[in-house]
PDB file of N, CA and C in Angstrom:
ATOM      1  N   MET A   1      -6.808  -6.269 -14.424  1.00  0.00           N
ATOM      2  CA  MET A   1      -7.445  -6.492 -13.585  1.00  0.00           C
ATOM      3  C   MET A   1      -8.795  -5.258 -13.606  1.00  0.00           C
ATOM      4  N   PRO A   2     -10.000  -5.955 -14.212  1.00  0.00           N
ATOM      5  CA  PRO A   2     -11.119  -4.840 -13.781  1.00  0.00           C
ATOM      6  C   PRO A   2     -11.875  -4.532 -12.679  1.00  0.00           C
ATOM      7  N   ALA A   3     -11.875  -3.386 -12.349  1.00  0.00           N
ATOM      8  CA  ALA A   3     -12.518  -3.071 -10.914  1.00  0.00           C
ATOM      9  C   ALA A   3     -13.883  -3.719 -10.483  1.00  0.00           C
ATOM     10  N   VAL A   4     -13.900  -4.412  -9.581  1.00  0.00           N
ATOM     11  CA  VAL A   4     -15.044  -4.903  -9.154  1.00  0.00           C
ATOM     12  C   VAL A   4     -15.908  -4.074  -7.841  1.00  0.00           C
ATOM     13  N   ARG A   5     -16.989  -3.788  -8.216  1.00  0.00           N
ATOM     14  CA  ARG A   5     -17.839  -2.706  -7.280  1.00  0.00           C
ATOM     15  C   ARG A   5     -17.701  -3.318  -5.583  1.00  0.00           C
ATOM     16  N   GLY A   6     -17.160  -2.303  -4.921  1.00  0.00           N
ATOM     17  CA  GLY A   6     -17.187  -2.545  -3.702  1.00  0.00           C
ATOM     18  C   GLY A   6     -15.914  -3.435  -3.197  1.00  0.00           C
ATOM     19  N   GLU A   7     -15.127  -3.738  -3.969  1.00  0.00           N
ATOM     20  CA  GLU A   7     -13.810  -4.616  -3.528  1.00  0.00           C
ATOM     21  C   GLU A   7     -12.880  -3.964  -4.023  1.00  0.00           C
ATOM     22  N   ILE A   8     -12.740  -3.236  -4.913  1.00  0.00           N
ATOM     23  CA  ILE A   8     -11.378  -2.389  -5.359  1.00  0.00           C
ATOM     24  C   ILE A   8     -11.916  -0.867  -5.021  1.00  0.00           C
ATOM     25  N   LYS A   9     -10.638  -0.232  -4.921  1.00  0.00           N
ATOM     26  CA  LYS A   9     -11.337   1.110  -4.450  1.00  0.00           C
ATOM     27  C   LYS A   9     -10.328   2.396  -4.834  1.00  0.00           C
ATOM     28  N   THR A  10      -9.051   2.676  -5.032  1.00  0.00           N
ATOM     29  CA  THR A  10      -8.175   3.613  -5.751  1.00  0.00           C
ATOM     30  C   THR A  10      -6.991   3.226  -6.139  1.00  0.00           C
ATOM     31  N   LEU A  11      -6.014   4.125  -6.337  1.00  0.00           N
ATOM     32  CA  LEU A  11      -4.747   4.047  -6.846  1.00  0.00           C
ATOM     33  C   LEU A  11      -4.812   2.923  -8.388  1.00  0.00           C
ATOM     34  N   ALA A  12      -5.560   3.822  -9.060  1.00  0.00           N
ATOM     35  CA  ALA A  12      -6.125   3.437 -10.350  1.00  0.00           C
ATOM     36  C   ALA A  12      -6.740   2.203 -10.437  1.00  0.00           C
ATOM     37  N   GLY A  13      -7.507   1.909  -9.081  1.00  0.00           N
ATOM     38  CA  GLY A  13      -8.571   0.731  -9.372  1.00  0.00           C
ATOM     39  C   GLY A  13      -7.890  -0.481  -8.773  1.00  0.00           C
ATOM     40  N   ARG A  14      -6.846  -0.365  -8.491  1.00  0.00           N
ATOM     41  CA  ARG A  14      -5.760  -1.713  -8.166  1.00  0.00           C
ATOM     42  C   ARG A  14      -5.569  -2.060  -6.746  1.00  0.00           C
ATOM     43  N   VAL A  15      -6.320  -1.347  -6.099  1.00  0.00           N
ATOM     44  CA  VAL A  15      -5.667  -1.859  -4.575  1.00  0.00           C
ATOM     45  C   VAL A  15      -7.427  -2.284  -3.924  1.00  0.00           C
ATOM     46  N   PRO A  16      -6.934  -3.289  -3.380  1.00  0.00           N
ATOM     47  CA  PRO A  16      -8.547  -3.657  -2.450  1.00  0.00           C
ATOM     48  C   PRO A  16      -8.646  -2.963  -1.636  1.00  0.00           C
ATOM     49  N   LEU A  17     -10.259  -2.842  -1.191  1.00  0.00           N
ATOM     50  CA  LEU A  17     -10.581  -1.834  -0.442  1.00  0.00           C
ATOM     51  C   LEU A  17     -10.085  -1.982   0.878  1.00  0.00           C
ATOM     52  N   PRO A  18      -9.858  -3.206   1.757  1.00  0.00           N
ATOM     53  CA  PRO A  18      -9.312  -2.909   3.079  1.00  0.00           C
ATOM     54  C   PRO A  18      -8.265  -2.895   3.092  1.00  0.00           C
ATOM     55  N   LEU A  19      -7.211  -2.692   1.778  1.00  0.00           N
ATOM     56  CA  LEU A  19      -5.563  -2.179   1.892  1.00  0.00           C
ATOM     57  C   LEU A  19      -5.935  -0.479   1.917  1.00  0.00           C
ATOM     58  N   HIS A  20      -6.702  -0.410   0.977  1.00  0.00           N
ATOM     59  CA  HIS A  20      -6.758   1.173   0.922  1.00  0.00           C
ATOM     60  C   HIS A  20      -7.021   1.942   2.377  1.00  0.00           C
ATOM     61  N   ARG A  21      -8.339   1.073   2.868  1.00  0.00           N
ATOM     62  CA  ARG A  21      -8.768   1.693   4.246  1.00  0.00           C
ATOM     63  C   ARG A  21      -7.451   1.470   5.318  1.00  0.00           C
ATOM     64  N   GLU A  22      -6.437   0.565   5.321  1.00  0.00           N
ATOM     65  CA  GLU A  22      -5.510   0.545   5.960  1.00  0.00           C
ATOM     66  C   GLU A  22      -4.304   1.468   5.560  1.00  0.00           C
ATOM     67  N   LEU A  23      -4.183   1.828   4.275  1.00  0.00           N
ATOM     68  CA  LEU A  23      -3.392   2.981   3.736  1.00  0.00           C
ATOM     69  C   LEU A  23      -3.753   4.274   4.566  1.00  0.00           C
ATOM     70  N   THR A  24      -4.829   4.420   4.291  1.00  0.00           N
ATOM     71  CA  THR A  24      -5.769   5.701   4.725  1.00  0.00           C
ATOM     72  C   THR A  24      -5.511   6.191   6.129  1.00  0.00           C
ATOM     73  N   ARG A  25      -5.752   4.919   6.837  1.00  0.00           N
ATOM     74  CA  ARG A  25      -5.298   4.985   8.486  1.00  0.00           C
ATOM     75  C   ARG A  25      -3.955   5.560   8.560  1.00  0.00           C
ATOM     76  N   ALA A  26      -3.145   4.683   8.067  1.00  0.00           N
ATOM     77  CA  ALA A  26      -1.775   4.905   8.163  1.00  0.00           C
ATOM     78  C   ALA A  26      -1.094   6.413   7.886  1.00  0.00           C
ATOM     79  N   LEU A  27      -2.046   7.142   6.617  1.00  0.00           N
ATOM     80  CA  LEU A  27      -1.528   8.263   6.389  1.00  0.00           C
ATOM     81  C   LEU A  27      -1.971   9.607   7.632  1.00  0.00           C
ATOM     82  N   ILE A  28      -3.460   8.980   8.008  1.00  0.00           N
ATOM     83  CA  ILE A  28      -3.767   9.865   9.094  1.00  0.00           C
ATOM     84  C   ILE A  28      -2.860   9.760  10.370  1.00  0.00           C
ATOM     85  N   ASP A  29      -2.308   8.363  10.676  1.00  0.00           N
ATOM     86  CA  ASP A  29      -1.462   8.272  11.958  1.00  0.00           C
ATOM     87  C   ASP A  29      -0.196   9.025  11.550  1.00  0.00           C
ATOM     88  N   ALA A  30       0.494   8.908  10.234  1.00  0.00           N
ATOM     89  CA  ALA A  30       1.600   9.474   9.950  1.00  0.00           C
ATOM     90  C   ALA A  30       1.602  11.130  10.255  1.00  0.00           C
ATOM     91  N   ALA A  31       0.556  11.351   9.700  1.00  0.00           N
ATOM     92  CA  ALA A  31       0.338  12.835   9.810  1.00  0.00           C
ATOM     93  C   ALA A  31       0.437  13.432  11.344  1.00  0.00           C
ATOM     94  N   ASP A  32       0.001  12.440  12.199  1.00  0.00           N
ATOM     95  CA  ASP A  32      -0.386  12.739  13.672  1.00  0.00           C
ATOM     96  C   ASP A  32       0.999  13.092  14.308  1.00  0.00           C
ATOM     97  N   GLU A  33       1.565  11.827  13.855  1.00  0.00           N
ATOM     98  CA  GLU A  33       3.022  11.774  14.331  1.00  0.00           C
ATOM     99  C   GLU A  33       4.149  12.674  13.817  1.00  0.00           C
ATOM    100  N   LEU A  34       3.915  13.344  12.548  1.00  0.00           N
ATOM    101  CA  LEU A  34       4.817  14.077  12.210  1.00  0.00           C
ATOM    102  C   LEU A  34       4.352  15.725  12.505  1.00  0.00           C
ATOM    103  N   ASN A  35       3.099  15.724  12.902  1.00  0.00           N
ATOM    104  CA  ASN A  35       2.660  16.993  13.050  1.00  0.00           C
ATOM    105  C   ASN A  35       2.492  17.736  11.579  1.00  0.00           C
ATOM    106  N   PHE A  36       2.300  16.856  10.619  1.00  0.00           N
ATOM    107  CA  PHE A  36       1.763  17.456   9.426  1.00  0.00           C
ATOM    108  C   PHE A  36       0.196  17.768   8.949  1.00  0.00           C
ATOM    109  N   SER A  37      -0.293  18.390   8.380  1.00  0.00           N
ATOM    110  CA  SER A  37      -1.602  18.911   8.212  1.00  0.00           C
ATOM    111  C   SER A  37      -2.079  17.549   7.342  1.00  0.00           C
ATOM    112  N   LYS A  38      -1.538  17.069   6.401  1.00  0.00           N
ATOM    113  CA  LYS A  38      -1.826  16.058   5.725  1.00  0.00           C
ATOM    114  C   LYS A  38      -0.337  15.235   5.007  1.00  0.00           C
ATOM    115  N   ILE A  39      -0.570  14.167   4.484  1.00  0.00           N
ATOM    116  CA  ILE A  39       0.336  13.518   3.749  1.00  0.00           C
ATOM    117  C   ILE A  39      -0.227  12.816   2.606  1.00  0.00           C
ATOM    118  N   ASN A  40      -0.017  13.285   1.234  1.00  0.00           N
ATOM    119  CA  ASN A  40      -0.600  12.751   0.233  1.00  0.00           C
ATOM    120  C   ASN A  40      -0.212  11.411  -0.178  1.00  0.00           C
ATOM    121  N   VAL A  41      -0.983  10.758  -1.012  1.00  0.00           N
ATOM    122  CA  VAL A  41      -0.761   9.179  -1.179  1.00  0.00           C
ATOM    123  C   VAL A  41       0.993   9.092  -2.086  1.00  0.00           C
ATOM    124  N   ASP A  42       0.985  10.036  -3.063  1.00  0.00           N
ATOM    125  CA  ASP A  42       2.486  10.112  -3.713  1.00  0.00           C
ATOM    126  C   ASP A  42       3.292  10.208  -2.848  1.00  0.00           C
ATOM    127  N   GLU A  43       3.461  11.164  -1.914  1.00  0.00           N
ATOM    128  CA  GLU A  43       4.394  11.471  -0.653  1.00  0.00           C
ATOM    129  C   GLU A  43       4.664  10.101   0.173  1.00  0.00           C
ATOM    130  N   ALA A  44       3.572   9.501   0.434  1.00  0.00           N
ATOM    131  CA  ALA A  44       3.632   8.085   0.947  1.00  0.00           C
ATOM    132  C   ALA A  44       4.370   7.064   0.377  1.00  0.00           C
ATOM    133  N   LEU A  45       3.506   6.574  -0.554  1.00  0.00           N
ATOM    134  CA  LEU A  45       3.965   5.547  -1.933  1.00  0.00           C
ATOM    135  C   LEU A  45       5.766   6.041  -1.848  1.00  0.00           C
ATOM    136  N   GLU A  46       6.009   7.037  -2.329  1.00  0.00           N
ATOM    137  CA  GLU A  46       7.573   7.530  -2.523  1.00  0.00           C
ATOM    138  C   GLU A  46       8.348   7.089  -1.457  1.00  0.00           C
ATOM    139  N   ALA A  47       7.880   7.663  -0.071  1.00  0.00           N
ATOM    140  CA  ALA A  47       8.677   7.226   1.225  1.00  0.00           C
ATOM    141  C   ALA A  47       8.678   5.829   1.643  1.00  0.00           C
ATOM    142  N   ALA A  48       7.788   4.919   1.264  1.00  0.00           N
ATOM    143  CA  ALA A  48       7.776   3.672   1.629  1.00  0.00           C
ATOM    144  C   ALA A  48       8.672   2.969   0.499  1.00  0.00           C
ATOM    145  N   MET A  49       8.649   3.348  -0.900  1.00  0.00           N
ATOM    146  CA  MET A  49       9.479   2.931  -1.605  1.00  0.00           C
ATOM    147  C   MET A  49      10.735   2.855  -1.720  1.00  0.00           C
ATOM    148  N   ARG A  50      11.250   4.160  -0.975  1.00  0.00           N
ATOM    149  CA  ARG A  50      12.774   4.228  -0.706  1.00  0.00           C
ATOM    150  C   ARG A  50      13.024   3.244   0.626  1.00  0.00           C
ATOM    151  N   VAL A  51      12.123   3.042   1.383  1.00  0.00           N
ATOM    152  CA  VAL A  51      12.503   1.964   2.366  1.00  0.00           C
ATOM    153  C   VAL A  51      12.785   0.779   2.066  1.00  0.00           C
ATOM    154  N   VAL A  52      11.593   0.208   1.249  1.00  0.00           N
ATOM    155  CA  VAL A  52      11.773  -0.987   0.894  1.00  0.00           C
ATOM    156  C   VAL A  52      13.003  -1.259   0.055  1.00  0.00           C
ATOM    157  N   LEU A  53      13.051  -0.531  -0.885  1.00  0.00           N
ATOM    158  CA  LEU A  53      14.350  -0.705  -1.885  1.00  0.00           C
ATOM    159  C   LEU A  53      15.618  -0.519  -1.444  1.00  0.00           C
ATOM    160  N   ARG A  54      15.970   0.375  -0.306  1.00  0.00           N
ATOM    161  CA  ARG A  54      17.097   0.648   0.491  1.00  0.00           C
ATOM    162  C   ARG A  54      17.343  -0.411   1.457  1.00  0.00           C
ATOM    163  N   ASP A  55      16.714  -1.168   2.235  1.00  0.00           N
ATOM    164  CA  ASP A  55      16.531  -1.726   3.280  1.00  0.00           C
ATOM    165  C   ASP A  55      16.442  -3.317   2.962  1.00  0.00           C
ATOM    166  N   GLU A  56      17.373  -4.357   3.216  1.00  0.00           N
ATOM    167  CA  GLU A  56      17.446  -5.614   2.418  1.00  0.00           C
ATOM    168  C   GLU A  56      16.626  -6.214   3.204  1.00  0.00           C
ATOM    169  N   GLY A  57      16.140  -5.935   4.308  1.00  0.00           N
ATOM    170  CA  GLY A  57      15.414  -6.664   5.402  1.00  0.00           C
ATOM    171  C   GLY A  57      13.742  -6.283   5.047  1.00  0.00           C
ATOM    172  N   ALA A  58      13.449  -5.123   4.780  1.00  0.00           N
ATOM    173  CA  ALA A  58      12.440  -4.978   4.035  1.00  0.00           C
ATOM    174  C   ALA A  58      12.058  -5.410   2.473  1.00  0.00           C
ATOM    175  N   THR A  59      13.298  -5.234   1.786  1.00  0.00           N
ATOM    176  CA  THR A  59      13.347  -5.600   0.526  1.00  0.00           C
ATOM    177  C   THR A  59      12.698  -7.274   0.547  1.00  0.00           C
ATOM    178  N   GLN A  60      13.176  -8.145   1.422  1.00  0.00           N
ATOM    179  CA  GLN A  60      13.097  -9.398   1.430  1.00  0.00           C
ATOM    180  C   GLN A  60      11.315  -9.798   2.101  1.00  0.00           C
ATOM    181  N   LEU A  61      11.140  -8.943   2.821  1.00  0.00           N
ATOM    182  CA  LEU A  61       9.568  -9.028   3.189  1.00  0.00           C
ATOM    183  C   LEU A  61       8.560  -8.405   2.034  1.00  0.00           C
ATOM    184  N   TRP A  62       8.897  -7.483   1.291  1.00  0.00           N
ATOM    185  CA  TRP A  62       8.334  -7.274  -0.347  1.00  0.00           C
ATOM    186  C   TRP A  62       8.245  -8.114  -0.851  1.00  0.00           C
ATOM    187  N   TYR A  63       9.256  -8.914  -1.252  1.00  0.00           N
ATOM    188  CA  TYR A  63       9.338 -10.197  -2.071  1.00  0.00           C
ATOM    189  C   TYR A  63       8.176 -11.193  -1.706  1.00  0.00           C
ATOM    190  N   GLY A  64       8.365 -11.436  -0.168  1.00  0.00           N
ATOM    191  CA  GLY A  64       7.301 -12.663   0.346  1.00  0.00           C
ATOM    192  C   GLY A  64       5.733 -11.847   0.141  1.00  0.00           C
ATOM    193  N   GLN A  65       5.625 -10.772   0.125  1.00  0.00           N
ATOM    194  CA  GLN A  65       4.146  -9.984  -0.035  1.00  0.00           C
ATOM    195  C   GLN A  65       3.938 -10.200  -1.774  1.00  0.00           C
ATOM    196  N   LEU A  66       4.497  -9.868  -2.517  1.00  0.00           N
ATOM    197  CA  LEU A  66       4.628  -9.970  -3.796  1.00  0.00           C
ATOM    198  C   LEU A  66       4.472 -11.746  -4.314  1.00  0.00           C
ATOM    199  N   ARG A  67       4.869 -12.476  -3.589  1.00  0.00           N
ATOM    200  CA  ARG A  67       4.729 -13.997  -3.752  1.00  0.00           C
ATOM    201  C   ARG A  67       3.299 -14.186  -3.766  1.00  0.00           C
ATOM    202  N   GLU A  68       2.994 -13.615  -2.175  1.00  0.00           N
ATOM    203  CA  GLU A  68       1.468 -13.973  -1.891  1.00  0.00           C
ATOM    204  C   GLU A  68       0.523 -13.239  -2.251  1.00  0.00           C
ATOM    205  N   VAL A  69       0.812 -11.802  -3.143  1.00  0.00           N
ATOM    206  CA  VAL A  69      -0.220 -11.378  -4.318  1.00  0.00           C
ATOM    207  C   VAL A  69      -0.606 -12.231  -5.306  1.00  0.00           C
ATOM    208  N   ARG A  70       0.508 -12.669  -5.690  1.00  0.00           N
ATOM    209  CA  ARG A  70       0.316 -13.290  -6.782  1.00  0.00           C
ATOM    210  C   ARG A  70      -0.410 -14.756  -6.895  1.00  0.00           C
ATOM    211  N   ARG A  71      -0.135 -15.510  -5.625  1.00  0.00           N
ATOM    212  CA  ARG A  71      -0.800 -16.855  -5.297  1.00  0.00           C
ATOM    213  C   ARG A  71      -2.367 -16.370  -5.225  1.00  0.00           C
ATOM    214  N   GLU A  72      -2.381 -15.525  -4.292  1.00  0.00           N
ATOM    215  CA  GLU A  72      -3.911 -14.986  -4.297  1.00  0.00           C
ATOM    216  C   GLU A  72      -4.601 -14.632  -5.251  1.00  0.00           C
ATOM    217  N   ARG A  73      -4.287 -14.101  -6.469  1.00  0.00           N
ATOM    218  CA  ARG A  73      -4.664 -13.669  -7.533  1.00  0.00           C
ATOM    219  C   ARG A  73      -4.987 -15.158  -8.480  1.00  0.00           C
ATOM    220  N   ARG A  74      -4.048 -15.686  -8.448  1.00  0.00           N
ATOM    221  CA  ARG A  74      -4.053 -17.084  -9.188  1.00  0.00           C
ATOM    222  C   ARG A  74      -5.093 -17.889  -8.612  1.00  0.00           C
ATOM    223  N   GLU A  75      -5.484 -17.985  -7.330  1.00  0.00           N
ATOM    224  CA  GLU A  75      -6.332 -18.561  -6.689  1.00  0.00           C
ATOM    225  C   GLU A  75      -7.871 -17.969  -7.100  1.00  0.00           C
ATOM    226  N   SER A  76      -8.041 -16.520  -7.147  1.00  0.00           N
ATOM    227  CA  SER A  76      -9.212 -16.207  -7.298  1.00  0.00           C
ATOM    228  C   SER A  76      -9.640 -16.121  -8.740  1.00  0.00           C
TER     229      SER A  76
END
């Protein structure tokens, strides 16, 4: 999927700008909560995937989001 100016941001040009902003805010909040100077995206994604893959409830939520993303992409 090619990047559309103003619509796609980071993570290899695959993350919509609103989600990128949400992730950035979450990283800042997590760093504040944990008293870390910063948290990089690689650390955050690794930690998030550990949660998703190891928690059945989170895995089911992830499946739901995968279905939604696929549906949204088909409709656009």
